[in-house]
Amino acid sequence: MTAIRGSAAAVTGAASGIGRALALELSLRGCDLALADRDEAGLQTLAAEIGKAGQRKVSVHRVDVSEPAEITAFAAAATAAHPALNIVINNAGVALLGQFGEIEQAEMEWLFNINFWGVVHGTRAFLPQLAKQREAHIVNISSIFGIVAPPGQSAYCAAKFAVRGFSESLRHELAITGSPVKLSVVHPGGVATNIARNSRTGSGVTDNARRVQSIERFDALARTTPTAAALRIIAGIEKNQPRILIGNDARFMDLLQRFRPGTYWKVMQRQIEKATAKVAAVAAK
């Protein structure tokens, strides 16, 4: 069991969405924080909000997780500010709209540098610090799209499947070497964040209506709040759960993939169409 109270956590992508909710909830449970994001103004606002709620020690760090040198510097600064730091949450992530033939190689690499390599570099940079602690925990955020792979998400799915594989293998390595570091990989379903609205569009996508439809569909299906996601992740840390599924949609798709690994998309497509039509009907009233 990894205790939250008295711990110190590094959180990337902390200025918004799940990362922001995690920072708030961890602070309420007595955890000090090293917060990282490219949005420095957002971090300062968050730190001020946490400061009003309690006496937790908070440090803010402007970090681009796609740059390995910046992650290394973040790890050094975070551990200097929080010598007993024992939790790392690699949360920062982005989205890219477009089918494989509509996205350039450079666009796919941009996403991978954040969603996959950001996780790997964050893990590598902090692991020596974590290994010194009596108990420590790494949390790597994958996605339900690291378990199932719908069309139009080839880059995102590839990165999130990679996070899952990397995390599961590393967890097994840590276990067989007797490391005090535990590792959880998180698979959120639809969480109501701005990831779709802030997504990039592949250079080959010429129909802007598709972007609008994609955002509307995401908003209609994203039923889990960031706070609910954060609470589920914290519970998973406390229980040392290796896999953390967030939302009934994620649990359903996980089971669906197990029972119908080759044909799950047909069922998913029908479910998405029904949900989208229901929301459209409500909006039309």
C-alpha atoms as a PDB file:
ATOM      1  CA  MET A   1       0.000   0.000   0.000  1.00  0.00           C
ATOM      2  CA  THR A   2       1.254   3.480  -0.910  1.00  0.00           C
ATOM      3  CA  ALA A   3       0.064   6.078   1.590  1.00  0.00           C
ATOM      4  CA  ILE A   4      -0.935   9.459   0.158  1.00  0.00           C
ATOM      5  CA  ARG A   5      -0.690  11.504   3.358  1.00  0.00           C
ATOM      6  CA  GLY A   6       2.895  12.504   3.962  1.00  0.00           C
ATOM      7  CA  SER A   7       3.944  11.696   0.385  1.00  0.00           C
ATOM      8  CA  ALA A   8       5.176  14.067  -2.313  1.00  0.00           C
ATOM      9  CA  ALA A   9       4.084  13.636  -5.929  1.00  0.00           C
ATOM     10  CA  ALA A  10       5.298  14.892  -9.294  1.00  0.00           C
ATOM     11  CA  VAL A  11       2.441  15.375 -11.767  1.00  0.00           C
ATOM     12  CA  THR A  12       2.851  16.271 -15.446  1.00  0.00           C
ATOM     13  CA  GLY A  13       0.073  17.890 -17.435  1.00  0.00           C
ATOM     14  CA  ALA A  14      -1.074  19.399 -14.146  1.00  0.00           C
ATOM     15  CA  ALA A  15      -2.562  22.676 -15.386  1.00  0.00           C
ATOM     16  CA  SER A  16      -5.806  21.165 -16.659  1.00  0.00           C
ATOM     17  CA  GLY A  17      -8.009  18.084 -16.892  1.00  0.00           C
ATOM     18  CA  ILE A  18      -7.148  14.950 -14.945  1.00  0.00           C
ATOM     19  CA  GLY A  19      -3.764  16.338 -13.920  1.00  0.00           C
ATOM     20  CA  ARG A  20      -5.314  19.397 -12.300  1.00  0.00           C
ATOM     21  CA  ALA A  21      -7.940  17.300 -10.522  1.00  0.00           C
ATOM     22  CA  LEU A  22      -5.234  14.951  -9.260  1.00  0.00           C
ATOM     23  CA  ALA A  23      -3.221  17.840  -7.862  1.00  0.00           C
ATOM     24  CA  LEU A  24      -6.224  19.220  -5.991  1.00  0.00           C
ATOM     25  CA  GLU A  25      -7.301  15.864  -4.583  1.00  0.00           C
ATOM     26  CA  LEU A  26      -3.789  14.811  -3.599  1.00  0.00           C
ATOM     27  CA  SER A  27      -3.244  18.087  -1.766  1.00  0.00           C
ATOM     28  CA  LEU A  28      -6.476  17.614   0.172  1.00  0.00           C
ATOM     29  CA  ARG A  29      -5.132  14.241   1.320  1.00  0.00           C
ATOM     30  CA  GLY A  30      -1.899  15.659   2.686  1.00  0.00           C
ATOM     31  CA  CYS A  31       0.420  15.208  -0.290  1.00  0.00           C
ATOM     32  CA  ASP A  32       3.052  17.776  -1.330  1.00  0.00           C
ATOM     33  CA  LEU A  33       3.299  18.475  -5.051  1.00  0.00           C
ATOM     34  CA  ALA A  34       5.727  19.207  -7.877  1.00  0.00           C
ATOM     35  CA  LEU A  35       3.486  20.370 -10.716  1.00  0.00           C
ATOM     36  CA  ALA A  36       4.616  20.408 -14.346  1.00  0.00           C
ATOM     37  CA  ASP A  37       3.019  21.713 -17.521  1.00  0.00           C
ATOM     38  CA  ARG A  38       3.758  23.951 -20.490  1.00  0.00           C
ATOM     39  CA  ASP A  39       1.019  26.273 -19.233  1.00  0.00           C
ATOM     40  CA  GLU A  40       2.905  28.142 -16.520  1.00  0.00           C
ATOM     41  CA  ALA A  41       0.043  30.572 -15.869  1.00  0.00           C
ATOM     42  CA  GLY A  42      -2.314  27.645 -15.330  1.00  0.00           C
ATOM     43  CA  LEU A  43       0.154  26.100 -12.885  1.00  0.00           C
ATOM     44  CA  GLN A  44       0.422  29.327 -10.897  1.00  0.00           C
ATOM     45  CA  THR A  45      -3.366  29.573 -10.674  1.00  0.00           C
ATOM     46  CA  LEU A  46      -3.562  25.974  -9.485  1.00  0.00           C
ATOM     47  CA  ALA A  47      -0.798  26.459  -6.923  1.00  0.00           C
ATOM     48  CA  ALA A  48      -2.597  29.505  -5.541  1.00  0.00           C
ATOM     49  CA  GLU A  49      -5.824  27.517  -5.250  1.00  0.00           C
ATOM     50  CA  ILE A  50      -4.067  24.716  -3.399  1.00  0.00           C
ATOM     51  CA  GLY A  51      -2.391  27.264  -1.127  1.00  0.00           C
ATOM     52  CA  LYS A  52      -5.752  28.654  -0.071  1.00  0.00           C
ATOM     53  CA  ALA A  53      -7.018  25.197   0.874  1.00  0.00           C
ATOM     54  CA  GLY A  54      -4.159  24.087   3.087  1.00  0.00           C
ATOM     55  CA  GLN A  55      -0.505  24.152   3.991  1.00  0.00           C
ATOM     56  CA  ARG A  56       0.908  21.692   1.454  1.00  0.00           C
ATOM     57  CA  LYS A  57       4.245  22.486  -0.139  1.00  0.00           C
ATOM     58  CA  VAL A  58       3.819  23.085  -3.873  1.00  0.00           C
ATOM     59  CA  SER A  59       6.458  23.790  -6.514  1.00  0.00           C
ATOM     60  CA  VAL A  60       5.646  24.675 -10.124  1.00  0.00           C
ATOM     61  CA  HIS A  61       7.784  23.789 -13.122  1.00  0.00           C
ATOM     62  CA  ARG A  62       7.304  24.815 -16.739  1.00  0.00           C
ATOM     63  CA  VAL A  63       8.093  21.615 -18.630  1.00  0.00           C
ATOM     64  CA  ASP A  64       7.644  20.383 -22.190  1.00  0.00           C
ATOM     65  CA  VAL A  65       7.584  16.600 -21.727  1.00  0.00           C
ATOM     66  CA  SER A  66       8.531  16.074 -25.382  1.00  0.00           C
ATOM     67  CA  GLU A  67      11.998  17.457 -24.506  1.00  0.00           C
ATOM     68  CA  PRO A  68      14.082  14.900 -22.567  1.00  0.00           C
ATOM     69  CA  ALA A  69      16.415  17.567 -21.193  1.00  0.00           C
ATOM     70  CA  GLU A  70      13.473  19.454 -19.694  1.00  0.00           C
ATOM     71  CA  ILE A  71      12.181  16.307 -18.006  1.00  0.00           C
ATOM     72  CA  THR A  72      15.631  15.602 -16.577  1.00  0.00           C
ATOM     73  CA  ALA A  73      15.789  19.149 -15.249  1.00  0.00           C
ATOM     74  CA  PHE A  74      12.290  18.813 -13.831  1.00  0.00           C
ATOM     75  CA  ALA A  75      13.217  15.646 -11.968  1.00  0.00           C
ATOM     76  CA  ALA A  76      16.274  17.338 -10.470  1.00  0.00           C
ATOM     77  CA  ALA A  77      14.340  20.451  -9.440  1.00  0.00           C
ATOM     78  CA  ALA A  78      11.378  18.472  -8.098  1.00  0.00           C
ATOM     79  CA  THR A  79      13.531  16.210  -5.936  1.00  0.00           C
ATOM     80  CA  ALA A  80      15.505  19.194  -4.669  1.00  0.00           C
ATOM     81  CA  ALA A  81      12.256  20.870  -3.636  1.00  0.00           C
ATOM     82  CA  HIS A  82      10.762  17.628  -2.282  1.00  0.00           C
ATOM     83  CA  PRO A  83      13.571  15.331  -1.059  1.00  0.00           C
ATOM     84  CA  ALA A  84      11.110  12.593  -0.062  1.00  0.00           C
ATOM     85  CA  LEU A  85       9.261  12.613  -3.405  1.00  0.00           C
ATOM     86  CA  ASN A  86       7.839   9.118  -3.879  1.00  0.00           C
ATOM     87  CA  ILE A  87       4.978   9.338  -6.400  1.00  0.00           C
ATOM     88  CA  VAL A  88       5.291  10.186 -10.109  1.00  0.00           C
ATOM     89  CA  ILE A  89       2.233  10.586 -12.330  1.00  0.00           C
ATOM     90  CA  ASN A  90       3.064  10.771 -16.042  1.00  0.00           C
ATOM     91  CA  ASN A  91      -0.191  12.323 -17.185  1.00  0.00           C
ATOM     92  CA  ALA A  92       0.572  14.857 -19.949  1.00  0.00           C
ATOM     93  CA  GLY A  93      -1.022  13.957 -23.285  1.00  0.00           C
ATOM     94  CA  VAL A  94      -2.353  15.303 -26.583  1.00  0.00           C
ATOM     95  CA  ALA A  95      -4.662  14.145 -29.371  1.00  0.00           C
ATOM     96  CA  LEU A  96      -4.424  14.166 -33.159  1.00  0.00           C
ATOM     97  CA  LEU A  97      -7.454  14.012 -35.454  1.00  0.00           C
ATOM     98  CA  GLY A  98      -7.138  12.130 -38.721  1.00  0.00           C
ATOM     99  CA  GLN A  99      -6.879   8.721 -40.298  1.00  0.00           C
ATOM    100  CA  PHE A 100      -3.425   7.298 -40.930  1.00  0.00           C
ATOM    101  CA  GLY A 101      -3.327   8.512 -44.531  1.00  0.00           C
ATOM    102  CA  GLU A 102      -4.263  12.028 -43.428  1.00  0.00           C
ATOM    103  CA  ILE A 103      -1.464  12.590 -40.904  1.00  0.00           C
ATOM    104  CA  GLU A 104       2.150  13.310 -41.723  1.00  0.00           C
ATOM    105  CA  GLN A 105       5.023  11.413 -40.166  1.00  0.00           C
ATOM    106  CA  ALA A 106       6.107  14.544 -38.308  1.00  0.00           C
ATOM    107  CA  GLU A 107       2.627  14.907 -36.824  1.00  0.00           C
ATOM    108  CA  MET A 108       2.650  11.328 -35.614  1.00  0.00           C
ATOM    109  CA  GLU A 109       6.113  11.838 -34.097  1.00  0.00           C
ATOM    110  CA  TRP A 110       4.889  15.005 -32.330  1.00  0.00           C
ATOM    111  CA  LEU A 111       2.178  12.964 -30.620  1.00  0.00           C
ATOM    112  CA  PHE A 112       4.546  10.105 -29.774  1.00  0.00           C
ATOM    113  CA  ASN A 113       7.098  12.475 -28.265  1.00  0.00           C
ATOM    114  CA  ILE A 114       4.497  13.607 -25.740  1.00  0.00           C
ATOM    115  CA  ASN A 115       2.193  10.628 -25.189  1.00  0.00           C
ATOM    116  CA  PHE A 116       4.809   7.874 -25.214  1.00  0.00           C
ATOM    117  CA  TRP A 117       8.325   9.253 -24.915  1.00  0.00           C
ATOM    118  CA  GLY A 118       7.167  11.768 -22.303  1.00  0.00           C
ATOM    119  CA  VAL A 119       6.082   8.809 -20.170  1.00  0.00           C
ATOM    120  CA  VAL A 120       9.310   6.900 -20.759  1.00  0.00           C
ATOM    121  CA  HIS A 121      11.578   9.869 -20.073  1.00  0.00           C
ATOM    122  CA  GLY A 122       9.552  10.838 -16.992  1.00  0.00           C
ATOM    123  CA  THR A 123       9.835   7.323 -15.644  1.00  0.00           C
ATOM    124  CA  ARG A 124      13.566   7.117 -16.326  1.00  0.00           C
ATOM    125  CA  ALA A 125      14.323  10.531 -14.833  1.00  0.00           C
ATOM    126  CA  PHE A 126      12.508   9.887 -11.554  1.00  0.00           C
ATOM    127  CA  LEU A 127      13.179   6.179 -11.042  1.00  0.00           C
ATOM    128  CA  PRO A 128      16.494   6.602  -9.137  1.00  0.00           C
ATOM    129  CA  GLN A 129      14.750   8.951  -6.683  1.00  0.00           C
ATOM    130  CA  LEU A 130      11.815   6.575  -6.232  1.00  0.00           C
ATOM    131  CA  ALA A 131      14.081   3.574  -5.678  1.00  0.00           C
ATOM    132  CA  LYS A 132      15.539   5.272  -2.583  1.00  0.00           C
ATOM    133  CA  GLN A 133      12.163   5.479  -0.850  1.00  0.00           C
ATOM    134  CA  ARG A 134      10.632   2.941   1.499  1.00  0.00           C
ATOM    135  CA  GLU A 135       7.521   2.886  -0.689  1.00  0.00           C
ATOM    136  CA  ALA A 136       7.025   4.580  -4.049  1.00  0.00           C
ATOM    137  CA  HIS A 137       4.643   4.568  -6.983  1.00  0.00           C
ATOM    138  CA  ILE A 138       4.674   5.355 -10.698  1.00  0.00           C
ATOM    139  CA  VAL A 139       1.388   6.081 -12.448  1.00  0.00           C
ATOM    140  CA  ASN A 140       1.443   6.065 -16.256  1.00  0.00           C
ATOM    141  CA  ILE A 141      -1.661   7.308 -18.029  1.00  0.00           C
ATOM    142  CA  SER A 142      -2.597   5.208 -21.046  1.00  0.00           C
ATOM    143  CA  SER A 143      -6.214   5.196 -22.281  1.00  0.00           C
ATOM    144  CA  ILE A 144      -9.014   2.800 -23.072  1.00  0.00           C
ATOM    145  CA  PHE A 145      -7.530   3.321 -26.541  1.00  0.00           C
ATOM    146  CA  GLY A 146      -4.536   1.426 -25.213  1.00  0.00           C
ATOM    147  CA  ILE A 147      -6.862  -1.603 -25.034  1.00  0.00           C
ATOM    148  CA  VAL A 148      -9.197  -1.068 -28.018  1.00  0.00           C
ATOM    149  CA  ALA A 149      -8.398   0.731 -31.267  1.00  0.00           C
ATOM    150  CA  PRO A 150     -11.163   2.562 -33.142  1.00  0.00           C
ATOM    151  CA  PRO A 151     -10.605   3.988 -36.629  1.00  0.00           C
ATOM    152  CA  GLY A 152      -9.299   7.526 -36.912  1.00  0.00           C
ATOM    153  CA  GLN A 153      -7.048   7.086 -33.879  1.00  0.00           C
ATOM    154  CA  SER A 154      -4.061   5.215 -35.308  1.00  0.00           C
ATOM    155  CA  ALA A 155      -1.421   7.568 -33.882  1.00  0.00           C
ATOM    156  CA  TYR A 156      -3.105   7.976 -30.513  1.00  0.00           C
ATOM    157  CA  CYS A 157      -3.785   4.250 -30.139  1.00  0.00           C
ATOM    158  CA  ALA A 158      -0.254   3.335 -31.142  1.00  0.00           C
ATOM    159  CA  ALA A 159       1.168   5.603 -28.433  1.00  0.00           C
ATOM    160  CA  LYS A 160      -1.280   4.492 -25.747  1.00  0.00           C
ATOM    161  CA  PHE A 161      -0.772   0.784 -26.539  1.00  0.00           C
ATOM    162  CA  ALA A 162       2.963   1.487 -26.261  1.00  0.00           C
ATOM    163  CA  VAL A 163       2.483   3.102 -22.840  1.00  0.00           C
ATOM    164  CA  ARG A 164       0.595   0.015 -21.727  1.00  0.00           C
ATOM    165  CA  GLY A 165       3.253  -2.420 -22.962  1.00  0.00           C
ATOM    166  CA  PHE A 166       6.130  -0.401 -21.551  1.00  0.00           C
ATOM    167  CA  SER A 167       4.400  -0.016 -18.191  1.00  0.00           C
ATOM    168  CA  GLU A 168       3.404  -3.662 -17.807  1.00  0.00           C
ATOM    169  CA  SER A 169       6.890  -4.912 -18.673  1.00  0.00           C
ATOM    170  CA  LEU A 170       8.540  -2.422 -16.320  1.00  0.00           C
ATOM    171  CA  ARG A 171       6.137  -3.356 -13.517  1.00  0.00           C
ATOM    172  CA  HIS A 172       7.198  -6.985 -13.853  1.00  0.00           C
ATOM    173  CA  GLU A 173      10.873  -5.984 -13.850  1.00  0.00           C
ATOM    174  CA  LEU A 174      10.418  -3.945 -10.675  1.00  0.00           C
ATOM    175  CA  ALA A 175       8.641  -6.853  -8.994  1.00  0.00           C
ATOM    176  CA  ILE A 176      11.271  -9.496  -9.777  1.00  0.00           C
ATOM    177  CA  THR A 177      14.111  -7.243  -8.609  1.00  0.00           C
ATOM    178  CA  GLY A 178      12.404  -6.526  -5.290  1.00  0.00           C
ATOM    179  CA  SER A 179      12.138  -2.798  -5.945  1.00  0.00           C
ATOM    180  CA  PRO A 180      10.009  -0.734  -3.544  1.00  0.00           C
ATOM    181  CA  VAL A 181       8.536   1.017  -6.593  1.00  0.00           C
ATOM    182  CA  LYS A 182       5.042  -0.055  -7.630  1.00  0.00           C
ATOM    183  CA  LEU A 183       3.542   0.841 -10.996  1.00  0.00           C
ATOM    184  CA  SER A 184      -0.029   1.399 -12.148  1.00  0.00           C
ATOM    185  CA  VAL A 185      -1.128   1.940 -15.730  1.00  0.00           C
ATOM    186  CA  VAL A 186      -4.370   3.896 -16.109  1.00  0.00           C
ATOM    187  CA  HIS A 187      -6.966   3.390 -18.845  1.00  0.00           C
ATOM    188  CA  PRO A 188      -9.558   6.191 -18.747  1.00  0.00           C
ATOM    189  CA  GLY A 189     -12.669   5.995 -20.861  1.00  0.00           C
ATOM    190  CA  GLY A 190     -14.401   9.236 -21.788  1.00  0.00           C
ATOM    191  CA  VAL A 191     -13.341  11.915 -19.307  1.00  0.00           C
ATOM    192  CA  ALA A 192     -14.742  15.420 -19.730  1.00  0.00           C
ATOM    193  CA  THR A 193     -11.520  17.317 -20.412  1.00  0.00           C
ATOM    194  CA  ASN A 194     -10.442  19.666 -23.214  1.00  0.00           C
ATOM    195  CA  ILE A 195      -8.208  17.107 -24.929  1.00  0.00           C
ATOM    196  CA  ALA A 196     -10.499  16.900 -27.986  1.00  0.00           C
ATOM    197  CA  ARG A 197     -10.952  20.679 -28.230  1.00  0.00           C
ATOM    198  CA  ASN A 198      -7.190  21.183 -27.931  1.00  0.00           C
ATOM    199  CA  SER A 199      -6.325  18.426 -30.411  1.00  0.00           C
ATOM    200  CA  ARG A 200      -4.378  19.011 -33.597  1.00  0.00           C
ATOM    201  CA  THR A 201      -5.826  18.127 -36.978  1.00  0.00           C
ATOM    202  CA  GLY A 202      -3.809  16.103 -39.467  1.00  0.00           C
ATOM    203  CA  SER A 203      -2.595  18.110 -42.439  1.00  0.00           C
ATOM    204  CA  GLY A 204      -4.517  15.797 -44.779  1.00  0.00           C
ATOM    205  CA  VAL A 205      -7.884  16.505 -43.116  1.00  0.00           C
ATOM    206  CA  THR A 206      -9.614  19.074 -45.327  1.00  0.00           C
ATOM    207  CA  ASP A 207     -13.149  18.887 -43.932  1.00  0.00           C
ATOM    208  CA  ASN A 208     -13.379  21.095 -40.835  1.00  0.00           C
ATOM    209  CA  ALA A 209     -16.856  19.705 -40.125  1.00  0.00           C
ATOM    210  CA  ARG A 210     -15.211  16.434 -39.125  1.00  0.00           C
ATOM    211  CA  ARG A 211     -13.313  18.205 -36.366  1.00  0.00           C
ATOM    212  CA  VAL A 212     -16.511  19.808 -35.084  1.00  0.00           C
ATOM    213  CA  GLN A 213     -18.325  16.454 -35.199  1.00  0.00           C
ATOM    214  CA  SER A 214     -15.429  14.733 -33.424  1.00  0.00           C
ATOM    215  CA  ILE A 215     -15.501  17.265 -30.576  1.00  0.00           C
ATOM    216  CA  GLU A 216     -19.291  17.032 -30.279  1.00  0.00           C
ATOM    217  CA  ARG A 217     -19.151  13.237 -30.200  1.00  0.00           C
ATOM    218  CA  PHE A 218     -16.431  13.282 -27.538  1.00  0.00           C
ATOM    219  CA  ASP A 219     -18.387  15.741 -25.406  1.00  0.00           C
ATOM    220  CA  ALA A 220     -21.501  13.585 -25.725  1.00  0.00           C
ATOM    221  CA  LEU A 221     -19.732  10.381 -24.696  1.00  0.00           C
ATOM    222  CA  ALA A 222     -17.356  11.760 -22.031  1.00  0.00           C
ATOM    223  CA  ARG A 223     -19.420  11.192 -18.902  1.00  0.00           C
ATOM    224  CA  THR A 224     -16.708  10.876 -16.248  1.00  0.00           C
ATOM    225  CA  THR A 225     -15.562  14.071 -14.543  1.00  0.00           C
ATOM    226  CA  PRO A 226     -11.853  14.785 -14.015  1.00  0.00           C
ATOM    227  CA  THR A 227     -12.461  14.708 -10.259  1.00  0.00           C
ATOM    228  CA  ALA A 228     -14.027  11.257 -10.438  1.00  0.00           C
ATOM    229  CA  ALA A 229     -11.076  10.081 -12.544  1.00  0.00           C
ATOM    230  CA  ALA A 230      -8.615  11.537 -10.030  1.00  0.00           C
ATOM    231  CA  LEU A 231     -10.342   9.835  -7.103  1.00  0.00           C
ATOM    232  CA  ARG A 232     -10.222   6.498  -8.918  1.00  0.00           C
ATOM    233  CA  ILE A 233      -6.504   6.903  -9.631  1.00  0.00           C
ATOM    234  CA  ILE A 234      -5.745   7.836  -6.019  1.00  0.00           C
ATOM    235  CA  ALA A 235      -7.654   4.781  -4.795  1.00  0.00           C
ATOM    236  CA  GLY A 236      -5.611   2.673  -7.209  1.00  0.00           C
ATOM    237  CA  ILE A 237      -2.358   4.105  -5.873  1.00  0.00           C
ATOM    238  CA  GLU A 238      -3.394   3.389  -2.292  1.00  0.00           C
ATOM    239  CA  LYS A 239      -4.253  -0.218  -3.183  1.00  0.00           C
ATOM    240  CA  ASN A 240      -1.255  -0.719  -5.511  1.00  0.00           C
ATOM    241  CA  GLN A 241      -3.546  -1.748  -8.344  1.00  0.00           C
ATOM    242  CA  PRO A 242      -1.583  -2.646 -11.486  1.00  0.00           C
ATOM    243  CA  ARG A 243      -4.368  -1.647 -13.895  1.00  0.00           C
ATOM    244  CA  ILE A 244      -6.819   1.170 -13.241  1.00  0.00           C
ATOM    245  CA  LEU A 245      -9.897   1.379 -15.462  1.00  0.00           C
ATOM    246  CA  ILE A 246     -11.853   4.631 -15.241  1.00  0.00           C
ATOM    247  CA  GLY A 247     -15.541   4.803 -16.112  1.00  0.00           C
ATOM    248  CA  ASN A 248     -18.225   2.261 -16.956  1.00  0.00           C
ATOM    249  CA  ASP A 249     -17.410   2.766 -20.632  1.00  0.00           C
ATOM    250  CA  ALA A 250     -13.804   1.712 -20.062  1.00  0.00           C
ATOM    251  CA  ARG A 251     -14.863  -1.353 -18.074  1.00  0.00           C
ATOM    252  CA  PHE A 252     -17.359  -2.318 -20.797  1.00  0.00           C
ATOM    253  CA  MET A 253     -14.821  -1.935 -23.618  1.00  0.00           C
ATOM    254  CA  ASP A 254     -12.184  -3.855 -21.682  1.00  0.00           C
ATOM    255  CA  LEU A 255     -14.558  -6.814 -21.273  1.00  0.00           C
ATOM    256  CA  LEU A 256     -15.748  -6.509 -24.867  1.00  0.00           C
ATOM    257  CA  GLN A 257     -12.190  -6.704 -26.165  1.00  0.00           C
ATOM    258  CA  ARG A 258     -11.510  -9.810 -24.087  1.00  0.00           C
ATOM    259  CA  PHE A 259     -14.560 -11.677 -25.346  1.00  0.00           C
ATOM    260  CA  ARG A 260     -14.528 -10.392 -28.935  1.00  0.00           C
ATOM    261  CA  PRO A 261     -10.923  -9.445 -29.676  1.00  0.00           C
ATOM    262  CA  GLY A 262     -11.370  -9.556 -33.438  1.00  0.00           C
ATOM    263  CA  THR A 263     -14.820  -8.021 -33.796  1.00  0.00           C
ATOM    264  CA  TYR A 264     -15.273  -5.625 -30.858  1.00  0.00           C
ATOM    265  CA  TRP A 265     -15.381  -2.587 -33.157  1.00  0.00           C
ATOM    266  CA  LYS A 266     -18.715  -3.636 -34.636  1.00  0.00           C
ATOM    267  CA  VAL A 267     -20.303  -3.565 -31.201  1.00  0.00           C
ATOM    268  CA  MET A 268     -18.545  -0.326 -30.234  1.00  0.00           C
ATOM    269  CA  GLN A 269     -19.698   1.355 -33.427  1.00  0.00           C
ATOM    270  CA  ARG A 270     -23.331   0.525 -32.729  1.00  0.00           C
ATOM    271  CA  GLN A 271     -23.032   1.801 -29.155  1.00  0.00           C
ATOM    272  CA  ILE A 272     -21.422   5.061 -30.282  1.00  0.00           C
ATOM    273  CA  GLU A 273     -24.062   5.618 -32.953  1.00  0.00           C
ATOM    274  CA  LYS A 274     -26.875   5.056 -30.450  1.00  0.00           C
ATOM    275  CA  ALA A 275     -25.365   7.402 -27.871  1.00  0.00           C
ATOM    276  CA  THR A 276     -24.674  10.104 -30.464  1.00  0.00           C
ATOM    277  CA  ALA A 277     -28.212   9.881 -31.851  1.00  0.00           C
ATOM    278  CA  LYS A 278     -29.690  10.086 -28.341  1.00  0.00           C
ATOM    279  CA  VAL A 279     -27.723  13.221 -27.523  1.00  0.00           C
ATOM    280  CA  ALA A 280     -28.649  14.802 -30.865  1.00  0.00           C
ATOM    281  CA  ALA A 281     -32.345  14.094 -30.201  1.00  0.00           C
ATOM    282  CA  VAL A 282     -32.162  15.696 -26.768  1.00  0.00           C
ATOM    283  CA  ALA A 283     -30.374  18.737 -28.194  1.00  0.00           C
ATOM    284  CA  ALA A 284     -33.012  19.141 -30.907  1.00  0.00           C
ATOM    285  CA  LYS A 285     -35.862  19.450 -28.377  1.00  0.00           C
END
